[in-house]
Structures are given as structure tokens and as C-alpha cells.
Amino acid sequence: MHVFPKFLKMNLTNLKFDYKYFDVTFSNGVLEHFSDKEIVDIINQELRISKIVVASVPSDYFSDKDKIYGNERFLNYSYWINLINNTTGVIIQSFGFDFRKKWEKIFYYAFKPKLIKKAPFIGFVIKSK
């Protein structure tokens, strides 16, 4: 049996899925493009439609010469914690990583909790309160 993905285009702040329709929603490199209010709204929408939200973003680790500028906001770990605390969710795990390294070092930060705050990319696993 072959299962093919179905791609849908919709507004992140108004997701048209039933309550807890998914087990997990995942975003990588998405939230840093939105305002604080939009981020809170998006996470709340994701928490409404899924049991768990996993989100990762670039951190303030990068120097100005290393940043790829678009409309990204390179926020620090504490700022993200405060933002997520304004949602209907609670962080059950945070992690850091650097996908620019060799595969064996990608998750180096994930297993060194004190280094998460200094990781180039940070992520959070969030569930409803």
C-alpha cells in the first residue's frame, strides 16, 4: 500500500483541522519569521490540532556576518521560553542542535543541557497545559 502526502495551503493562525487531529505538528525555521503575537497564536493553533508541538528556530548564536537576513528574528533561548509561556502550552523538553556540522555532531547540543542556550538552533517540545 502506498500512502501519498496531501499538501494544503492555509493560514497558520487559522488551521482548519479538528481538535487533536494530529499526534504531532512540527515546524523548523518558521516561527522566527512572525511577530510575538503571531507566534503565540500559531503555537496555540498547533496545540489545538495536535497533542504535541515540536518547533525549532535559529538562535542569537550567529554573528552578523553569519546571519542570512530575511525577516528572521534571531532571539535568545530565554526570549523563546517567555513567548511559549504565553501560550496554552507547557515546554516538556528543549534541545539545541547544529545541522551545519557532520552528522555525528548534529545532536551534540541535544545531550548537553547546559549548552542548549548556546546552540545555533534551539527547539522545544510543547504540550497543552
C-alpha atoms as a PDB file:
ATOM      1  CA  MET A   1       0.000   0.000   0.000  1.00  0.00           C
ATOM      2  CA  HIS A   2       1.335   3.425  -0.937  1.00  0.00           C
ATOM      3  CA  VAL A   3       0.473   6.495   1.054  1.00  0.00           C
ATOM      4  CA  PHE A   4       0.984   9.832  -0.602  1.00  0.00           C
ATOM      5  CA  PRO A   5       1.197  13.152   1.210  1.00  0.00           C
ATOM      6  CA  LYS A   6      -1.524  15.697   0.773  1.00  0.00           C
ATOM      7  CA  PHE A   7      -0.341  19.294   0.673  1.00  0.00           C
ATOM      8  CA  LEU A   8      -2.665  22.019   1.857  1.00  0.00           C
ATOM      9  CA  LYS A   9      -2.171  25.760   1.838  1.00  0.00           C
ATOM     10  CA  MET A  10      -3.739  27.595   4.777  1.00  0.00           C
ATOM     11  CA  ASN A  11      -3.153  30.349   7.301  1.00  0.00           C
ATOM     12  CA  LEU A  12      -1.032  29.218  10.263  1.00  0.00           C
ATOM     13  CA  THR A  13      -3.190  31.203  12.674  1.00  0.00           C
ATOM     14  CA  ASN A  14      -6.410  29.597  11.447  1.00  0.00           C
ATOM     15  CA  LEU A  15      -5.714  25.901  10.872  1.00  0.00           C
ATOM     16  CA  LYS A  16      -8.799  24.051   9.605  1.00  0.00           C
ATOM     17  CA  PHE A  17      -8.388  20.742  11.423  1.00  0.00           C
ATOM     18  CA  ASP A  18     -10.440  19.146  14.168  1.00  0.00           C
ATOM     19  CA  TYR A  19      -9.369  19.183  17.801  1.00  0.00           C
ATOM     20  CA  LYS A  20      -6.287  16.939  18.333  1.00  0.00           C
ATOM     21  CA  TYR A  21      -6.468  15.764  14.715  1.00  0.00           C
ATOM     22  CA  PHE A  22      -2.703  15.083  14.670  1.00  0.00           C
ATOM     23  CA  ASP A  23      -0.393  13.454  17.159  1.00  0.00           C
ATOM     24  CA  VAL A  24       2.412  15.925  16.374  1.00  0.00           C
ATOM     25  CA  THR A  25       2.869  19.174  14.483  1.00  0.00           C
ATOM     26  CA  PHE A  26       6.429  20.115  13.541  1.00  0.00           C
ATOM     27  CA  SER A  27       8.000  23.307  12.299  1.00  0.00           C
ATOM     28  CA  ASN A  28      11.623  24.056  11.596  1.00  0.00           C
ATOM     29  CA  GLY A  29      12.682  27.585  10.733  1.00  0.00           C
ATOM     30  CA  VAL A  30       9.160  29.005  10.611  1.00  0.00           C
ATOM     31  CA  LEU A  31       8.269  30.822  13.827  1.00  0.00           C
ATOM     32  CA  GLU A  32      11.176  33.279  13.754  1.00  0.00           C
ATOM     33  CA  HIS A  33       9.500  34.996  10.773  1.00  0.00           C
ATOM     34  CA  PHE A  34       6.497  36.157  12.817  1.00  0.00           C
ATOM     35  CA  SER A  35       5.725  38.736  15.498  1.00  0.00           C
ATOM     36  CA  ASP A  36       5.409  37.720  19.154  1.00  0.00           C
ATOM     37  CA  LYS A  37       1.608  37.799  18.973  1.00  0.00           C
ATOM     38  CA  GLU A  38       1.573  35.728  15.776  1.00  0.00           C
ATOM     39  CA  ILE A  39       3.950  33.167  17.311  1.00  0.00           C
ATOM     40  CA  VAL A  40       1.676  32.748  20.331  1.00  0.00           C
ATOM     41  CA  ASP A  41      -1.365  32.408  18.028  1.00  0.00           C
ATOM     42  CA  ILE A  42       0.389  29.861  15.802  1.00  0.00           C
ATOM     43  CA  ILE A  43       1.525  27.702  18.719  1.00  0.00           C
ATOM     44  CA  ASN A  44      -1.970  27.857  20.216  1.00  0.00           C
ATOM     45  CA  GLN A  45      -3.462  26.738  16.888  1.00  0.00           C
ATOM     46  CA  GLU A  46      -0.955  23.881  16.677  1.00  0.00           C
ATOM     47  CA  LEU A  47      -1.746  22.845  20.263  1.00  0.00           C
ATOM     48  CA  ARG A  48      -5.446  22.823  19.423  1.00  0.00           C
ATOM     49  CA  ILE A  49      -4.997  20.442  16.493  1.00  0.00           C
ATOM     50  CA  SER A  50      -2.235  18.203  17.880  1.00  0.00           C
ATOM     51  CA  LYS A  51      -1.167  16.511  21.092  1.00  0.00           C
ATOM     52  CA  ILE A  52       2.449  17.668  20.803  1.00  0.00           C
ATOM     53  CA  VAL A  53       4.127  20.608  19.061  1.00  0.00           C
ATOM     54  CA  VAL A  54       7.799  20.423  18.093  1.00  0.00           C
ATOM     55  CA  ALA A  55       9.324  23.676  16.882  1.00  0.00           C
ATOM     56  CA  SER A  56      12.899  24.676  16.180  1.00  0.00           C
ATOM     57  CA  VAL A  57      14.343  28.077  15.318  1.00  0.00           C
ATOM     58  CA  PRO A  58      17.715  29.744  14.821  1.00  0.00           C
ATOM     59  CA  SER A  59      19.014  31.393  17.992  1.00  0.00           C
ATOM     60  CA  ASP A  60      21.012  34.526  18.695  1.00  0.00           C
ATOM     61  CA  TYR A  61      24.184  32.391  18.399  1.00  0.00           C
ATOM     62  CA  PHE A  62      25.046  33.745  14.952  1.00  0.00           C
ATOM     63  CA  SER A  63      27.232  36.790  14.412  1.00  0.00           C
ATOM     64  CA  ASP A  64      26.043  39.450  11.970  1.00  0.00           C
ATOM     65  CA  LYS A  65      28.337  38.095   9.256  1.00  0.00           C
ATOM     66  CA  ASP A  66      26.874  34.574   9.638  1.00  0.00           C
ATOM     67  CA  LYS A  67      23.206  35.554   9.603  1.00  0.00           C
ATOM     68  CA  ILE A  68      21.156  35.088   6.472  1.00  0.00           C
ATOM     69  CA  TYR A  69      18.922  38.109   6.584  1.00  0.00           C
ATOM     70  CA  GLY A  70      15.345  37.981   5.506  1.00  0.00           C
ATOM     71  CA  ASN A  71      12.735  38.768   8.096  1.00  0.00           C
ATOM     72  CA  GLU A  72      14.137  36.292  10.639  1.00  0.00           C
ATOM     73  CA  ARG A  73      14.392  37.303  14.259  1.00  0.00           C
ATOM     74  CA  PHE A  74      17.396  35.733  15.981  1.00  0.00           C
ATOM     75  CA  LEU A  75      16.005  35.515  19.514  1.00  0.00           C
ATOM     76  CA  ASN A  76      17.739  34.050  22.536  1.00  0.00           C
ATOM     77  CA  TYR A  77      16.661  30.984  24.482  1.00  0.00           C
ATOM     78  CA  SER A  78      15.110  32.967  27.354  1.00  0.00           C
ATOM     79  CA  TYR A  79      13.048  35.076  24.964  1.00  0.00           C
ATOM     80  CA  TRP A  80      11.594  31.914  23.385  1.00  0.00           C
ATOM     81  CA  ILE A  81      10.814  30.468  26.817  1.00  0.00           C
ATOM     82  CA  ASN A  82       8.892  33.640  27.720  1.00  0.00           C
ATOM     83  CA  LEU A  83       6.993  33.589  24.425  1.00  0.00           C
ATOM     84  CA  ILE A  84       5.988  29.946  24.814  1.00  0.00           C
ATOM     85  CA  ASN A  85       4.931  30.598  28.417  1.00  0.00           C
ATOM     86  CA  ASN A  86       2.300  32.968  26.953  1.00  0.00           C
ATOM     87  CA  THR A  87       0.672  30.121  25.016  1.00  0.00           C
ATOM     88  CA  THR A  88      -1.767  27.454  26.168  1.00  0.00           C
ATOM     89  CA  GLY A  89       1.142  25.009  26.293  1.00  0.00           C
ATOM     90  CA  VAL A  90       3.977  23.965  28.530  1.00  0.00           C
ATOM     91  CA  ILE A  91       7.507  23.032  27.439  1.00  0.00           C
ATOM     92  CA  ILE A  92       8.255  19.400  28.213  1.00  0.00           C
ATOM     93  CA  GLN A  93      11.682  19.329  26.537  1.00  0.00           C
ATOM     94  CA  SER A  94      14.072  21.803  24.990  1.00  0.00           C
ATOM     95  CA  PHE A  95      17.024  20.960  22.795  1.00  0.00           C
ATOM     96  CA  GLY A  96      19.796  22.548  20.807  1.00  0.00           C
ATOM     97  CA  PHE A  97      21.480  21.430  17.615  1.00  0.00           C
ATOM     98  CA  ASP A  98      23.682  22.465  14.727  1.00  0.00           C
ATOM     99  CA  PHE A  99      22.794  20.862  11.406  1.00  0.00           C
ATOM    100  CA  ARG A 100      25.797  22.521   9.766  1.00  0.00           C
ATOM    101  CA  LYS A 101      28.155  20.038  11.418  1.00  0.00           C
ATOM    102  CA  LYS A 102      28.975  16.456  10.490  1.00  0.00           C
ATOM    103  CA  TRP A 103      26.080  14.113  11.215  1.00  0.00           C
ATOM    104  CA  GLU A 104      27.691  12.684  14.348  1.00  0.00           C
ATOM    105  CA  LYS A 105      27.784  16.149  15.922  1.00  0.00           C
ATOM    106  CA  ILE A 106      24.319  17.320  14.881  1.00  0.00           C
ATOM    107  CA  PHE A 107      22.772  16.399  18.209  1.00  0.00           C
ATOM    108  CA  TYR A 108      25.770  17.281  20.340  1.00  0.00           C
ATOM    109  CA  TYR A 109      23.839  20.082  21.970  1.00  0.00           C
ATOM    110  CA  ALA A 110      20.733  17.948  22.482  1.00  0.00           C
ATOM    111  CA  PHE A 111      22.529  15.810  25.049  1.00  0.00           C
ATOM    112  CA  LYS A 112      24.323  18.646  26.835  1.00  0.00           C
ATOM    113  CA  PRO A 113      21.556  20.657  28.575  1.00  0.00           C
ATOM    114  CA  LYS A 114      23.863  23.458  29.719  1.00  0.00           C
ATOM    115  CA  LEU A 115      24.841  24.091  26.099  1.00  0.00           C
ATOM    116  CA  ILE A 116      21.302  24.405  24.761  1.00  0.00           C
ATOM    117  CA  LYS A 117      21.312  28.135  25.466  1.00  0.00           C
ATOM    118  CA  LYS A 118      24.431  28.485  23.318  1.00  0.00           C
ATOM    119  CA  ALA A 119      23.317  26.255  20.434  1.00  0.00           C
ATOM    120  CA  PRO A 120      22.952  27.751  16.937  1.00  0.00           C
ATOM    121  CA  PHE A 121      19.486  26.239  16.661  1.00  0.00           C
ATOM    122  CA  ILE A 122      17.108  25.646  19.544  1.00  0.00           C
ATOM    123  CA  GLY A 123      13.912  23.689  19.748  1.00  0.00           C
ATOM    124  CA  PHE A 124      11.046  22.948  22.048  1.00  0.00           C
ATOM    125  CA  VAL A 125       8.613  20.118  22.591  1.00  0.00           C
ATOM    126  CA  ILE A 126       5.353  21.585  23.844  1.00  0.00           C
ATOM    127  CA  LYS A 127       2.115  20.017  25.070  1.00  0.00           C
ATOM    128  CA  SER A 128      -1.163  21.554  26.241  1.00  0.00           C
ATOM    129  CA  LYS A 129      -1.327  22.672  29.876  1.00  0.00           C
END
